[in-house]
Amino acid sequence: MELAGGCLCGRTRYVLTSRPYDLGNCHCIDCRRASGAPFVTWGSVPSGNLEIRLGEPKKVPHAQRIRTFASCCGTPLFFEEQANATEVDVAIATLDLPEPFPPQINIWTEDRLPWVQLDPGLPAFLKSSRDQP
């Protein structure tokens, strides 16, 4: 199995060798600022299941985490909790075919912009879903 994706200009390409899981919309201010969007839909894969096929993405450490962007055009691609993380979050909208991967939760809704309407059918968490009882 291979799921391909890439950046806006096409000079950075990647492949996932497993389906993303833990699909969620993140409304945190860092995701908003990094993407220029009101929220980002992420999906996780084991780090070993992500292969960069073209280009050299730029890793940017911020707030003890690592965000990865296409160095050619700046498209936000990946997110890691720490260096050498066992999982990487992939910006679902950067997949060539993102349609099969709808979000399952909303997280960091305490930072949600007031004009963003949440889907009432999805669980919502003020912070990370791991922070909830």
Protein backbone atom coordinates (compact mmCIF):
# COMPACT_ATOMS: atom_id res chain seq x y z
CA MET A 1 0.00 0.00 0.00
CA GLU A 2 1.22 3.47 -0.87
CA LEU A 3 -0.53 6.78 -0.28
CA ALA A 4 1.19 9.64 -2.07
CA GLY A 5 1.20 13.30 -1.19
CA GLY A 6 3.16 16.46 -1.59
CA CYS A 7 3.47 20.20 -1.51
CA LEU A 8 1.83 23.02 -3.44
CA CYS A 9 4.49 23.34 -6.14
CA GLY A 10 5.13 19.58 -6.51
CA ARG A 11 8.86 19.68 -5.74
CA THR A 12 8.39 17.81 -2.45
CA ARG A 13 6.72 14.41 -2.62
CA TYR A 14 6.19 11.71 0.00
CA VAL A 15 4.62 8.29 0.35
CA LEU A 16 2.87 6.68 3.32
CA THR A 17 3.03 2.89 3.48
CA SER A 18 0.17 2.62 5.98
CA ARG A 19 -3.18 4.29 6.44
CA PRO A 20 -3.24 7.31 8.76
CA TYR A 21 -5.02 6.87 12.10
CA ASP A 22 -6.03 9.21 14.94
CA LEU A 23 -7.50 11.62 12.40
CA GLY A 24 -8.33 14.95 13.94
CA ASN A 25 -8.76 18.66 13.43
CA CYS A 26 -6.33 20.65 15.54
CA HIS A 27 -7.44 24.19 16.39
CA CYS A 28 -4.35 25.17 18.41
CA ILE A 29 -2.82 28.56 17.74
CA ASP A 30 0.48 27.01 16.62
CA CYS A 31 -1.23 24.91 13.92
CA ARG A 32 -3.24 27.94 12.83
CA ARG A 33 -0.16 30.10 12.50
CA ALA A 34 1.97 27.41 10.85
CA SER A 35 -0.71 26.72 8.23
CA GLY A 36 -2.43 30.07 7.81
CA ALA A 37 -5.73 28.20 8.19
CA PRO A 38 -8.33 28.09 10.99
CA PHE A 39 -7.38 24.47 11.80
CA VAL A 40 -5.37 21.57 10.39
CA THR A 41 -6.53 17.99 9.92
CA TRP A 42 -3.77 15.59 10.97
CA GLY A 43 -3.43 11.82 10.76
CA SER A 44 -0.71 9.74 12.40
CA VAL A 45 1.51 7.03 10.93
CA PRO A 46 4.51 5.19 12.35
CA SER A 47 7.63 7.20 11.48
CA GLY A 48 9.03 4.31 9.46
CA ASN A 49 5.95 4.39 7.22
CA LEU A 50 6.74 7.83 5.81
CA GLU A 51 9.18 8.09 2.92
CA ILE A 52 10.27 11.33 1.29
CA ARG A 53 10.55 10.62 -2.43
CA LEU A 54 11.41 14.07 -3.76
CA GLY A 55 12.79 17.24 -2.22
CA GLU A 56 14.31 18.02 1.14
CA PRO A 57 11.72 19.23 3.65
CA LYS A 58 12.76 21.74 6.30
CA LYS A 59 12.32 20.78 9.96
CA VAL A 60 11.52 23.69 12.25
CA PRO A 61 11.71 23.17 16.03
CA HIS A 62 9.10 25.17 17.93
CA ALA A 63 7.69 24.75 21.45
CA GLN A 64 9.66 21.52 21.99
CA ARG A 65 8.05 19.99 18.90
CA ILE A 66 9.08 19.71 15.26
CA ARG A 67 7.09 20.97 12.29
CA THR A 68 8.18 20.02 8.80
CA PHE A 69 7.55 22.21 5.76
CA ALA A 70 8.35 21.87 2.07
CA SER A 71 11.54 23.92 1.70
CA CYS A 72 10.60 24.80 -1.89
CA CYS A 73 7.23 26.48 -1.26
CA GLY A 74 6.53 26.37 2.48
CA THR A 75 3.64 23.90 2.51
CA PRO A 76 3.16 22.51 6.05
CA LEU A 77 3.57 18.73 5.80
CA PHE A 78 4.37 16.95 9.08
CA PHE A 79 4.40 17.33 12.85
CA GLU A 80 6.39 15.39 15.46
CA GLU A 81 6.14 15.56 19.24
CA GLN A 82 9.95 15.30 19.50
CA ALA A 83 13.06 14.42 17.54
CA ASN A 84 13.20 10.69 16.78
CA ALA A 85 9.47 10.30 17.50
CA THR A 86 7.97 6.90 16.74
CA GLU A 87 4.96 8.56 15.08
CA VAL A 88 4.60 11.44 12.68
CA ASP A 89 1.46 13.42 12.00
CA VAL A 90 0.74 14.11 8.34
CA ALA A 91 -1.30 17.08 7.13
CA ILE A 92 -4.15 15.11 5.55
CA ALA A 93 -4.92 17.82 2.98
CA THR A 94 -1.45 17.28 1.45
CA LEU A 95 -2.36 13.74 0.38
CA ASP A 96 -3.16 13.35 -3.31
CA LEU A 97 -6.41 11.66 -2.26
CA PRO A 98 -7.41 12.99 1.18
CA GLU A 99 -11.12 12.16 0.83
CA PRO A 100 -11.00 8.73 2.56
CA PHE A 101 -9.54 10.28 5.73
CA PRO A 102 -12.15 12.52 7.39
CA PRO A 103 -11.48 13.85 10.89
CA GLN A 104 -12.77 11.83 13.84
CA ILE A 105 -12.25 14.44 16.59
CA ASN A 106 -11.58 18.12 17.21
CA ILE A 107 -8.74 19.00 19.57
CA TRP A 108 -7.45 22.20 21.18
CA THR A 109 -10.90 23.74 20.81
CA GLU A 110 -10.02 26.20 23.58
CA ASP A 111 -8.03 27.99 20.84
CA ARG A 112 -10.78 27.63 18.20
CA LEU A 113 -11.68 30.76 16.31
CA PRO A 114 -15.21 31.80 17.32
CA TRP A 115 -16.48 31.73 13.73
CA VAL A 116 -15.44 28.10 13.14
CA GLN A 117 -18.45 25.82 13.51
CA LEU A 118 -17.57 22.40 14.93
CA ASP A 119 -19.28 19.29 13.60
CA PRO A 120 -21.62 18.28 16.46
CA GLY A 121 -21.14 14.63 15.46
CA LEU A 122 -17.44 14.69 16.38
CA PRO A 123 -16.04 14.57 19.90
CA ALA A 124 -14.37 17.84 20.87
CA PHE A 125 -11.61 18.37 23.43
CA LEU A 126 -10.46 21.65 24.97
CA LYS A 127 -6.87 20.44 24.70
CA SER A 128 -5.39 17.21 23.38
CA SER A 129 -7.62 14.16 23.59
CA ARG A 130 -4.87 12.63 25.79
CA ASP A 131 -5.51 15.38 28.38
CA GLN A 132 -9.12 14.30 28.94
CA PRO A 133 -10.30 11.77 31.53
